[in-house]
C-alpha atoms as a PDB file:
ATOM      1  CA  GLY A   1     -13.682  15.368  11.833  1.00  0.00           C
ATOM      2  CA  LYS A   2     -12.721  14.704   8.562  1.00  0.00           C
ATOM      3  CA  GLN A   3      -8.732  14.983   9.063  1.00  0.00           C
ATOM      4  CA  ASN A   4      -9.632  11.564  11.348  1.00  0.00           C
ATOM      5  CA  LYS A   5     -10.857   9.091   8.958  1.00  0.00           C
ATOM      6  CA  ILE A   6      -8.691   7.390   6.117  1.00  0.00           C
ATOM      7  CA  ILE A   7      -9.323   9.313   2.883  1.00  0.00           C
ATOM      8  CA  ILE A   8      -9.371   7.066  -0.044  1.00  0.00           C
ATOM      9  CA  THR A   9      -8.282   8.708  -3.404  1.00  0.00           C
ATOM     10  CA  ASP A  10      -8.443   7.507  -6.665  1.00  0.00           C
ATOM     11  CA  THR A  11      -5.392   8.898  -7.982  1.00  0.00           C
ATOM     12  CA  GLY A  12      -4.820   6.476 -10.844  1.00  0.00           C
ATOM     13  CA  SER A  13      -7.565   3.638 -12.619  1.00  0.00           C
ATOM     14  CA  THR A  14      -8.836   1.466  -9.990  1.00  0.00           C
ATOM     15  CA  ALA A  15     -10.736  -1.266 -12.360  1.00  0.00           C
ATOM     16  CA  PHE A  16      -8.013  -3.753 -11.747  1.00  0.00           C
ATOM     17  CA  GLU A  17      -6.415  -3.396  -8.100  1.00  0.00           C
ATOM     18  CA  ALA A  18      -7.262  -0.810  -5.422  1.00  0.00           C
ATOM     19  CA  ILE A  19      -6.432  -0.452  -1.683  1.00  0.00           C
ATOM     20  CA  THR A  20      -9.351   0.226   0.267  1.00  0.00           C
ATOM     21  CA  SER A  21      -8.165   0.643   4.071  1.00  0.00           C
ATOM     22  CA  CYS A  22      -4.369   0.358   5.571  1.00  0.00           C
ATOM     23  CA  GLY A  23      -2.931   0.443   9.298  1.00  0.00           C
ATOM     24  CA  TYR A  24       0.236   0.807  11.193  1.00  0.00           C
ATOM     25  CA  HIS A  25       1.445  -1.959  13.624  1.00  0.00           C
ATOM     26  CA  PRO A  26       2.995   0.042  15.818  1.00  0.00           C
ATOM     27  CA  GLN A  27       4.566  -2.948  18.472  1.00  0.00           C
ATOM     28  CA  ARG A  28       5.660  -4.944  14.784  1.00  0.00           C
ATOM     29  CA  LYS A  29       6.073  -1.440  13.309  1.00  0.00           C
ATOM     30  CA  GLU A  30       4.630  -2.522   9.462  1.00  0.00           C
ATOM     31  CA  LEU A  31       2.598  -1.091   7.557  1.00  0.00           C
ATOM     32  CA  THR A  32      -0.332  -3.055   6.366  1.00  0.00           C
ATOM     33  CA  CYS A  33      -2.321  -2.531   3.258  1.00  0.00           C
ATOM     34  CA  PRO A  34      -5.420  -5.461   2.024  1.00  0.00           C
ATOM     35  CA  ILE A  35      -5.070  -4.756  -1.532  1.00  0.00           C
ATOM     36  CA  GLU A  36      -8.485  -5.726  -3.764  1.00  0.00           C
ATOM     37  CA  ILE A  37      -8.210  -7.858  -7.081  1.00  0.00           C
ATOM     38  CA  ARG A  38     -10.741  -6.722  -8.659  1.00  0.00           C
ATOM     39  CA  GLN A  39     -10.069  -8.809 -12.469  1.00  0.00           C
ATOM     40  CA  ASN A  40      -8.957 -12.121 -13.581  1.00  0.00           C
ATOM     41  CA  ALA A  41      -6.435 -11.183 -16.051  1.00  0.00           C
ATOM     42  CA  ALA A  42      -3.976  -8.692 -17.422  1.00  0.00           C
ATOM     43  CA  TYR A  43      -1.571  -9.142 -14.212  1.00  0.00           C
ATOM     44  CA  SER A  44       0.757 -10.850 -16.405  1.00  0.00           C
ATOM     45  CA  GLY A  45      -0.011 -14.009 -16.739  1.00  0.00           C
ATOM     46  CA  GLN A  46      -1.154 -17.318 -14.985  1.00  0.00           C
ATOM     47  CA  PRO A  47       1.898 -18.924 -12.456  1.00  0.00           C
ATOM     48  CA  ALA A  48       2.430 -22.026 -14.500  1.00  0.00           C
ATOM     49  CA  LEU A  49       4.154 -19.865 -17.023  1.00  0.00           C
ATOM     50  CA  GLN A  50       7.914 -18.386 -15.566  1.00  0.00           C
ATOM     51  CA  PRO A  51       8.234 -15.871 -15.222  1.00  0.00           C
ATOM     52  CA  ALA A  52       4.792 -14.353 -15.352  1.00  0.00           C
ATOM     53  CA  GLY A  53       3.096 -12.310 -13.216  1.00  0.00           C
ATOM     54  CA  SER A  54       3.154  -8.191 -11.753  1.00  0.00           C
ATOM     55  CA  TYR A  55       3.890  -6.271  -9.063  1.00  0.00           C
ATOM     56  CA  GLU A  56       1.286  -4.423  -6.627  1.00  0.00           C
ATOM     57  CA  PHE A  57       3.378  -2.147  -4.866  1.00  0.00           C
ATOM     58  CA  VAL A  58       3.115   0.406  -1.797  1.00  0.00           C
ATOM     59  CA  GLN A  59       4.661   3.049  -0.987  1.00  0.00           C
ATOM     60  CA  PHE A  60       4.722   4.025   2.378  1.00  0.00           C
ATOM     61  CA  CYS A  61       5.247   7.788   3.662  1.00  0.00           C
ATOM     62  CA  VAL A  62       4.575   9.736   7.451  1.00  0.00           C
ATOM     63  CA  ASN A  63       4.723  13.170   7.805  1.00  0.00           C
ATOM     64  CA  TYR A  64       6.897  13.895  11.659  1.00  0.00           C
ATOM     65  CA  GLY A  65       5.965  17.610  11.403  1.00  0.00           C
ATOM     66  CA  ALA A  66       7.385  18.894   8.150  1.00  0.00           C
ATOM     67  CA  GLY A  67       5.560  17.243   5.168  1.00  0.00           C
ATOM     68  CA  PHE A  68       5.781  13.619   4.138  1.00  0.00           C
ATOM     69  CA  VAL A  69       8.688  11.267   3.596  1.00  0.00           C
ATOM     70  CA  PRO A  70       9.390   8.157   2.456  1.00  0.00           C
ATOM     71  CA  VAL A  71       9.792   5.316   5.184  1.00  0.00           C
ATOM     72  CA  ASN A  72       9.815   2.295   2.825  1.00  0.00           C
ATOM     73  CA  VAL A  73       8.133   0.307  -0.169  1.00  0.00           C
ATOM     74  CA  ASN A  74       7.013  -2.882  -0.651  1.00  0.00           C
ATOM     75  CA  GLY A  75       4.712  -5.266  -2.549  1.00  0.00           C
ATOM     76  CA  VAL A  76       2.955  -8.207  -3.044  1.00  0.00           C
ATOM     77  CA  HIS A  77       3.046 -10.514  -6.744  1.00  0.00           C
ATOM     78  CA  VAL A  78       0.128 -11.095  -8.409  1.00  0.00           C
ATOM     79  CA  HIS A  79      -0.886 -13.745 -11.532  1.00  0.00           C
ATOM     80  CA  ASP A  80      -3.696 -14.169 -13.698  1.00  0.00           C
ATOM     81  CA  GLU A  81      -6.524 -16.452 -12.623  1.00  0.00           C
ATOM     82  CA  ALA A  82      -5.643 -19.758 -13.506  1.00  0.00           C
ATOM     83  CA  PHE A  83      -9.141 -21.544 -12.381  1.00  0.00           C
ATOM     84  CA  GLY A  84     -11.902 -19.364 -13.778  1.00  0.00           C
ATOM     85  CA  ASN A  85     -12.620 -18.268 -10.434  1.00  0.00           C
ATOM     86  CA  ARG A  86     -14.690 -15.017 -10.187  1.00  0.00           C
ATOM     87  CA  PRO A  87     -12.897 -11.796  -8.046  1.00  0.00           C
ATOM     88  CA  ASN A  88     -12.801  -9.896  -5.946  1.00  0.00           C
ATOM     89  CA  TRP A  89      -9.386 -11.606  -4.005  1.00  0.00           C
ATOM     90  CA  TYR A  90      -7.079  -9.826  -0.988  1.00  0.00           C
ATOM     91  CA  MET A  91      -4.174  -9.761  -1.141  1.00  0.00           C
ATOM     92  CA  THR A  92      -1.771  -7.744   2.253  1.00  0.00           C
ATOM     93  CA  ALA A  93       1.196  -5.597   1.539  1.00  0.00           C
ATOM     94  CA  VAL A  94       3.576  -5.641   4.336  1.00  0.00           C
ATOM     95  CA  VAL A  95       5.706  -2.731   4.501  1.00  0.00           C
ATOM     96  CA  PRO A  96       8.479  -2.717   7.465  1.00  0.00           C
ATOM     97  CA  ALA A  97       9.479   0.470   8.999  1.00  0.00           C
ATOM     98  CA  ASP A  98      12.688   2.595   8.156  1.00  0.00           C
ATOM     99  CA  ASP A  99      15.553   3.340  10.402  1.00  0.00           C
ATOM    100  CA  GLN A 100      13.674   6.894  10.872  1.00  0.00           C
ATOM    101  CA  LEU A 101      10.128   5.680  12.206  1.00  0.00           C
ATOM    102  CA  PHE A 102      11.437   2.368  14.320  1.00  0.00           C
ATOM    103  CA  GLN A 103      13.546   5.144  15.983  1.00  0.00           C
ATOM    104  CA  GLN A 104      10.427   7.000  16.665  1.00  0.00           C
ATOM    105  CA  PRO A 105       9.682   6.298  21.104  1.00  0.00           C
ATOM    106  CA  LEU A 106       6.034   4.449  21.560  1.00  0.00           C
ATOM    107  CA  THR A 107       4.785   7.353  23.999  1.00  0.00           C
ATOM    108  CA  GLY A 108       1.352   7.436  21.970  1.00  0.00           C
ATOM    109  CA  GLN A 109       1.533  10.255  19.717  1.00  0.00           C
ATOM    110  CA  THR A 110      -0.276  10.645  16.258  1.00  0.00           C
ATOM    111  CA  LEU A 111       1.577  10.808  12.911  1.00  0.00           C
ATOM    112  CA  ARG A 112       0.342  11.374   9.244  1.00  0.00           C
ATOM    113  CA  ALA A 113       0.796   8.783   7.105  1.00  0.00           C
ATOM    114  CA  ARG A 114       0.049   7.623   3.148  1.00  0.00           C
ATOM    115  CA  ALA A 115       0.290   4.591   1.300  1.00  0.00           C
ATOM    116  CA  ILE A 116       0.320   4.730  -2.499  1.00  0.00           C
ATOM    117  CA  LEU A 117      -0.348   1.797  -4.537  1.00  0.00           C
ATOM    118  CA  SER A 118       1.054   1.331  -8.073  1.00  0.00           C
ATOM    119  CA  TRP A 119       0.626  -1.393 -10.155  1.00  0.00           C
ATOM    120  CA  ASN A 120       3.607  -2.786 -12.020  1.00  0.00           C
ATOM    121  CA  ILE A 121       6.127   0.458 -11.521  1.00  0.00           C
ATOM    122  CA  SER A 122       7.261   0.749  -8.139  1.00  0.00           C
ATOM    123  CA  PRO A 123       6.181   4.227  -6.371  1.00  0.00           C
ATOM    124  CA  ALA A 124      10.404   4.893  -5.960  1.00  0.00           C
ATOM    125  CA  SER A 125      10.244   6.913  -3.243  1.00  0.00           C
ATOM    126  CA  ASP A 126       8.041   9.378  -4.049  1.00  0.00           C
ATOM    127  CA  CYS A 127       4.972  10.663  -1.305  1.00  0.00           C
ATOM    128  CA  ASN A 128       3.476  12.279  -3.837  1.00  0.00           C
ATOM    129  CA  PHE A 129       3.790   9.443  -6.865  1.00  0.00           C
ATOM    130  CA  GLN A 130       0.417   8.976  -9.263  1.00  0.00           C
ATOM    131  CA  PRO A 131      -0.042   6.013 -10.247  1.00  0.00           C
ATOM    132  CA  ILE A 132      -1.185   5.162 -13.145  1.00  0.00           C
ATOM    133  CA  TRP A 133      -2.938   1.973 -11.650  1.00  0.00           C
ATOM    134  CA  GLY A 134      -3.545   2.707  -8.512  1.00  0.00           C
ATOM    135  CA  ASN A 135      -4.618   4.764  -5.625  1.00  0.00           C
ATOM    136  CA  GLN A 136      -3.620   6.466  -2.102  1.00  0.00           C
ATOM    137  CA  ALA A 137      -4.963   5.951   1.305  1.00  0.00           C
ATOM    138  CA  ASP A 138      -3.811   9.356   3.803  1.00  0.00           C
ATOM    139  CA  PHE A 139      -4.661   8.012   7.387  1.00  0.00           C
ATOM    140  CA  ARG A 140      -3.388   8.809  11.008  1.00  0.00           C
ATOM    141  CA  ILE A 141      -1.300   5.736  12.669  1.00  0.00           C
ATOM    142  CA  ARG A 142      -0.411   6.101  16.337  1.00  0.00           C
ATOM    143  CA  LEU A 143       2.504   4.928  18.491  1.00  0.00           C
ATOM    144  CA  ASP A 144       1.062   2.355  21.291  1.00  0.00           C
ATOM    145  CA  PRO A 145       3.183   0.620  23.122  1.00  0.00           C
END
């Protein structure tokens, strides 16, 4: 059914970046989300200009049965293209589990999860955050041993 598929929602503009899928590695206890970089510029400067660049933040949330709760936030540092190459590029945000998710037994249970991408503004542990630039993925994770 539809509830078992990843649902990508453009909660903000995806003209510059978007997550297209996400997954959870239960043994490493990490969420990973590919981030598609869709433009050459507007990421706050080229690598040679210091300080330059900006961040693509990903907020990871899990529903243990009473609604989504924040797990952790992390991201990847990005820059404007400096060599004349054309997009798209793919970065990966890796978001580690927090203590609550880390301590869940690996018995194959399924949990609902959400990842929220936000350019240059941290979602600040808000599982309903709607970014100006970015989107969200709702999906299920399975805690296999």
